[in-house]
Amino acid sequence: MKLNQPVSAPDCFKCTVRNASPFCGMLTEEELSLFMKVKKDHIYEKNQALFYQGNTSSGLYLLCSGSVKLVQSSPAGQQQIIEVISPGDWIDKGSYFASGRHSATAQAIERSEVCLLSGEDLKGIIQSLPGLSMTLIQALSQAVEKSRERSNHFISKSALARLADVLIELSEKHGIRQDEVVRIRLLLKREELAEMVGVTQETCVRLLTALKRQKLIALKGREIAILDVEKLGALRD
C-alpha cells in the first residue's frame, strides 16, 4: 500500500522511549546516527491502516509514538487483535525476513509516528555497518521468540486468565499510575478487548463485570482502571 508522506525526522538522541526500546536502546551513538540518516518517518491518524495482512512488506516498521494494533484474519473471516504495539517496539516483527508479506493488518489506535527502514536501506546498513545489522537481527530474534512464547502460554489459559493477562499487559505498556490505581490510557472498544482475549464481546463484558464486582477493576465508559494489580495478576496463572 502507499505510505503516508514522510515527515521531518525527529532527533533520536532526544527520544524519550529510546532506552526502553529493544532495538534503539542497544545502539551506539555511531549506529544511532546512521539509523537516523536512513529511516523514514510517517504519521498515521487514528484508525488509519499502516499496512494490510498479506501485502508485500516494504521493510521494518518501528513505532516511535502512539499505539498500533495488529489484527489477524482467519480464512473464515474471523478477526483477532494479536498484539497492541507500544512505542519503541517493532510492528509485525520478522515478516520482512520470514515470508516477505505481512502476517497481520496494522492499524493506528491513536495518532502515531512510525519510522520505516526500507529493504534497500537494510541492504546498505548490512554492507556499511555489520555491527548494526547484528544488533538488528538480535533484537528481532528476541522479539519474535518472546511473541511465540507468549502465544503458546496464552492459548492454555482460561478466558478469565487471558483477560487478566491482557489487562495487566495493557497497564504495563499503556497505564498511568495514580497512587494504587493504574488507569489504562488506551480507550479500547469492548469488541477490540474481546478480540485480544479471544472471546465474544458478550463474554468479555460478563468477565469485566465479574472483575468489577470483585473490586479488582473500575469501569467508566471505555476507561478501565485496575484497583488491585496484585490480585488481578494472580488470576493470570
Protein backbone atom coordinates (compact mmCIF):
# COMPACT_ATOMS: atom_id res chain seq x y z
CA MET A 1 0.00 0.00 0.00
CA LYS A 2 1.06 3.61 -0.46
CA LEU A 3 2.70 5.08 2.61
CA ASN A 4 1.83 8.43 4.12
CA GLN A 5 4.04 11.31 3.11
CA PRO A 6 7.24 11.34 5.20
CA VAL A 7 7.59 13.93 7.93
CA SER A 8 10.73 15.59 9.27
CA ALA A 9 12.77 13.00 11.13
CA PRO A 10 12.95 13.73 14.88
CA ASP A 11 16.20 13.59 16.80
CA CYS A 12 16.57 10.00 18.04
CA PHE A 13 19.08 11.17 20.65
CA LYS A 14 16.27 13.10 22.35
CA CYS A 15 13.72 10.27 22.09
CA THR A 16 12.01 9.63 25.45
CA VAL A 17 11.46 5.90 24.73
CA ARG A 18 14.90 5.18 23.31
CA ASN A 19 16.30 3.43 26.38
CA ALA A 20 13.21 1.22 26.69
CA SER A 21 13.32 0.19 23.04
CA PRO A 22 14.54 -3.40 22.40
CA PHE A 23 16.41 -2.05 19.36
CA CYS A 24 17.26 1.64 19.75
CA GLY A 25 18.37 1.13 23.33
CA MET A 26 21.10 -1.26 22.13
CA LEU A 27 22.64 1.14 19.57
CA THR A 28 25.89 3.02 19.98
CA GLU A 29 25.97 6.72 19.08
CA GLU A 30 27.54 5.90 15.72
CA GLU A 31 24.87 3.30 14.95
CA LEU A 32 22.06 5.60 16.05
CA SER A 33 23.39 8.37 13.80
CA LEU A 34 23.34 6.02 10.81
CA PHE A 35 19.85 4.82 11.69
CA MET A 36 18.63 8.44 11.74
CA LYS A 37 20.05 9.03 8.26
CA VAL A 38 18.30 6.10 6.60
CA LYS A 39 14.95 5.81 8.42
CA LYS A 40 11.83 7.44 7.01
CA ASP A 41 9.23 8.82 9.42
CA HIS A 42 5.48 8.76 8.78
CA ILE A 43 2.42 9.96 10.70
CA TYR A 44 -0.76 7.85 10.82
CA GLU A 45 -4.01 9.23 12.13
CA LYS A 46 -6.40 7.32 14.41
CA ASN A 47 -7.93 4.23 12.72
CA GLN A 48 -5.66 4.57 9.68
CA ALA A 49 -4.01 1.39 8.40
CA LEU A 50 -0.24 1.20 8.13
CA PHE A 51 -0.35 -1.97 6.03
CA TYR A 52 -2.62 -4.94 5.37
CA GLN A 53 -2.31 -8.64 6.04
CA GLY A 54 -0.94 -10.48 3.02
CA ASN A 55 0.57 -7.40 1.38
CA THR A 56 4.25 -7.31 0.50
CA SER A 57 6.35 -5.87 3.32
CA SER A 58 8.30 -2.72 2.45
CA GLY A 59 10.79 -3.23 5.27
CA LEU A 60 10.88 -2.93 9.05
CA TYR A 61 8.47 -0.69 10.96
CA LEU A 62 9.29 0.79 14.37
CA LEU A 63 6.69 2.63 16.47
CA CYS A 64 8.04 5.94 17.80
CA SER A 65 4.91 7.32 19.48
CA GLY A 66 1.22 6.49 19.83
CA SER A 67 -0.13 2.94 19.70
CA VAL A 68 -0.85 0.44 16.94
CA LYS A 69 -2.87 -2.78 16.96
CA LEU A 70 -2.09 -5.87 14.90
CA VAL A 71 -5.22 -7.60 13.61
CA GLN A 72 -5.05 -11.09 12.12
CA SER A 73 -7.85 -12.50 9.96
CA SER A 74 -8.61 -16.20 9.53
CA PRO A 75 -9.67 -17.76 6.19
CA ALA A 76 -13.22 -17.77 7.56
CA GLY A 77 -13.10 -14.00 8.08
CA GLN A 78 -12.75 -14.03 11.87
CA GLN A 79 -10.55 -11.28 13.27
CA GLN A 80 -8.40 -11.18 16.37
CA ILE A 81 -6.16 -8.48 17.78
CA ILE A 82 -2.94 -10.39 18.41
CA GLU A 83 -0.95 -7.53 19.89
CA VAL A 84 -1.02 -3.84 20.78
CA ILE A 85 2.34 -2.27 20.00
CA SER A 86 3.82 0.30 22.36
CA PRO A 87 6.41 2.98 21.46
CA GLY A 88 9.93 1.70 20.88
CA ASP A 89 8.84 -1.72 19.63
CA TRP A 90 8.76 -3.31 16.18
CA ILE A 91 5.47 -3.68 14.30
CA ASP A 92 4.78 -7.10 12.71
CA LYS A 93 8.12 -8.48 13.82
CA GLY A 94 10.07 -10.60 11.39
CA SER A 95 7.59 -10.67 8.48
CA TYR A 96 10.03 -8.95 6.14
CA PHE A 97 12.68 -11.63 6.69
CA ALA A 98 10.27 -14.56 7.01
CA SER A 99 7.73 -14.59 4.17
CA GLY A 100 8.18 -11.07 2.87
CA ARG A 101 4.46 -10.49 3.43
CA HIS A 102 2.67 -9.00 6.41
CA SER A 103 1.19 -11.61 8.77
CA ALA A 104 -1.40 -9.14 10.09
CA THR A 105 -3.01 -5.77 9.43
CA ALA A 106 -1.61 -2.84 11.42
CA GLN A 107 -3.97 -0.01 12.40
CA ALA A 108 -3.29 3.11 14.44
CA ILE A 109 -5.33 3.22 17.66
CA GLU A 110 -4.40 6.88 18.06
CA ARG A 111 -2.27 9.37 16.14
CA SER A 112 1.02 7.52 15.78
CA GLU A 113 4.50 8.18 14.45
CA VAL A 114 6.20 5.28 12.71
CA CYS A 115 9.66 5.02 11.19
CA LEU A 116 10.36 2.69 8.27
CA LEU A 117 13.64 1.02 7.47
CA SER A 118 13.18 0.03 3.82
CA GLY A 119 14.62 -3.05 2.17
CA GLU A 120 17.17 -1.03 0.23
CA ASP A 121 18.28 0.77 3.38
CA LEU A 122 18.63 -2.56 5.17
CA LYS A 123 20.98 -3.79 2.46
CA GLY A 124 23.01 -0.61 2.80
CA ILE A 125 23.28 -1.00 6.57
CA ILE A 126 24.40 -4.60 6.31
CA GLN A 127 27.11 -3.64 3.83
CA SER A 128 28.38 -0.49 5.55
CA LEU A 129 27.96 -1.32 9.24
CA PRO A 130 27.79 -5.05 10.04
CA GLY A 131 27.65 -4.32 13.77
CA LEU A 132 24.30 -2.56 13.41
CA SER A 133 22.90 -5.38 11.30
CA MET A 134 23.83 -7.90 14.01
CA THR A 135 22.13 -5.73 16.64
CA LEU A 136 19.06 -5.61 14.43
CA ILE A 137 19.00 -9.38 13.94
CA GLN A 138 19.44 -9.96 17.67
CA ALA A 139 16.64 -7.55 18.59
CA LEU A 140 14.23 -9.06 16.05
CA SER A 141 15.07 -12.62 17.10
CA GLN A 142 14.40 -11.84 20.75
CA ALA A 143 11.13 -10.08 19.87
CA VAL A 144 9.88 -12.99 17.72
CA GLU A 145 10.80 -15.55 20.37
CA LYS A 146 9.06 -13.54 23.08
CA SER A 147 5.90 -13.32 20.95
CA ARG A 148 5.99 -17.08 20.29
CA GLU A 149 6.36 -17.91 23.98
CA ARG A 150 3.52 -15.54 24.87
CA SER A 151 1.25 -17.11 22.24
CA ASN A 152 1.96 -20.68 23.38
CA HIS A 153 1.36 -19.77 27.03
CA PHE A 154 -1.74 -17.72 26.23
CA ILE A 155 -3.71 -20.47 24.48
CA SER A 156 -3.53 -22.79 27.50
CA LYS A 157 -5.28 -20.33 29.82
CA SER A 158 -8.94 -19.88 30.72
CA ALA A 159 -10.87 -16.89 29.37
CA LEU A 160 -10.68 -15.12 32.75
CA ALA A 161 -6.92 -15.70 32.99
CA ARG A 162 -6.47 -14.41 29.44
CA LEU A 163 -8.44 -11.26 30.24
CA ALA A 164 -6.39 -10.66 33.39
CA ASP A 165 -3.24 -11.22 31.33
CA VAL A 166 -4.31 -8.69 28.70
CA LEU A 167 -5.32 -6.08 31.29
CA ILE A 168 -2.02 -6.40 33.16
CA GLU A 169 -0.04 -6.13 29.92
CA LEU A 170 -2.01 -3.07 28.82
CA SER A 171 -1.46 -1.47 32.23
CA GLU A 172 2.30 -2.08 31.99
CA LYS A 173 2.60 -0.66 28.47
CA HIS A 174 -0.14 1.96 28.43
CA GLY A 175 -1.02 2.57 32.07
CA ILE A 176 -0.90 5.72 34.17
CA ARG A 177 -0.41 5.10 37.91
CA GLN A 178 -2.29 7.30 40.36
CA ASP A 179 -1.49 6.17 43.89
CA GLU A 180 -2.53 2.49 43.99
CA VAL A 181 -4.73 2.71 40.89
CA VAL A 182 -3.47 2.12 37.34
CA ARG A 183 -5.59 3.67 34.61
CA ILE A 184 -5.21 2.15 31.16
CA ARG A 185 -4.68 5.09 28.82
CA LEU A 186 -5.93 3.26 25.71
CA LEU A 187 -9.70 3.53 25.43
CA LEU A 188 -10.35 0.26 23.62
CA LYS A 189 -13.79 -0.77 22.44
CA ARG A 190 -15.21 -3.83 24.16
CA GLU A 191 -15.10 -5.53 20.77
CA GLU A 192 -11.36 -4.82 20.49
CA LEU A 193 -10.68 -6.07 24.01
CA ALA A 194 -12.69 -9.23 23.26
CA GLU A 195 -10.58 -9.83 20.14
CA MET A 196 -7.40 -9.55 22.21
CA VAL A 197 -8.71 -12.07 24.75
CA GLY A 198 -10.11 -14.41 22.10
CA VAL A 199 -13.72 -14.42 23.33
CA THR A 200 -17.05 -12.99 22.20
CA GLN A 201 -17.93 -9.43 23.12
CA GLU A 202 -20.70 -10.70 25.40
CA THR A 203 -18.28 -12.95 27.28
CA CYS A 204 -15.77 -10.12 27.62
CA VAL A 205 -18.43 -7.81 29.12
CA ARG A 206 -19.51 -10.54 31.53
CA LEU A 207 -15.94 -11.15 32.69
CA LEU A 208 -15.28 -7.43 33.12
CA THR A 209 -18.42 -7.14 35.22
CA ALA A 210 -17.25 -10.04 37.39
CA LEU A 211 -13.88 -8.35 37.95
CA LYS A 212 -15.67 -5.12 38.81
CA ARG A 213 -17.83 -6.88 41.39
CA GLN A 214 -14.67 -8.27 42.98
CA LYS A 215 -13.38 -4.67 43.12
CA LEU A 216 -10.32 -5.58 41.07
CA ILE A 217 -11.14 -3.06 38.34
CA ALA A 218 -13.31 0.02 37.84
CA LEU A 219 -15.16 0.82 34.62
CA LYS A 220 -16.16 4.22 33.30
CA GLY A 221 -17.24 4.10 29.68
CA ARG A 222 -14.28 2.66 27.78
CA GLU A 223 -11.84 3.54 30.54
CA ILE A 224 -10.57 0.65 32.65
CA ALA A 225 -8.76 1.25 35.92
CA ILE A 226 -7.02 -1.54 37.79
CA LEU A 227 -7.70 -1.19 41.51
CA ASP A 228 -5.66 -4.16 42.75
CA VAL A 229 -2.80 -5.10 40.43
CA GLU A 230 -1.54 -7.91 42.68
CA LYS A 231 -4.88 -9.73 42.96
CA LEU A 232 -5.65 -9.27 39.27
CA GLY A 233 -2.20 -10.58 38.40
CA ALA A 234 -2.83 -13.68 40.49
CA LEU A 235 -5.67 -14.62 38.11
CA ARG A 236 -3.22 -14.91 35.20
CA ASP A 237 -1.87 -18.30 36.34
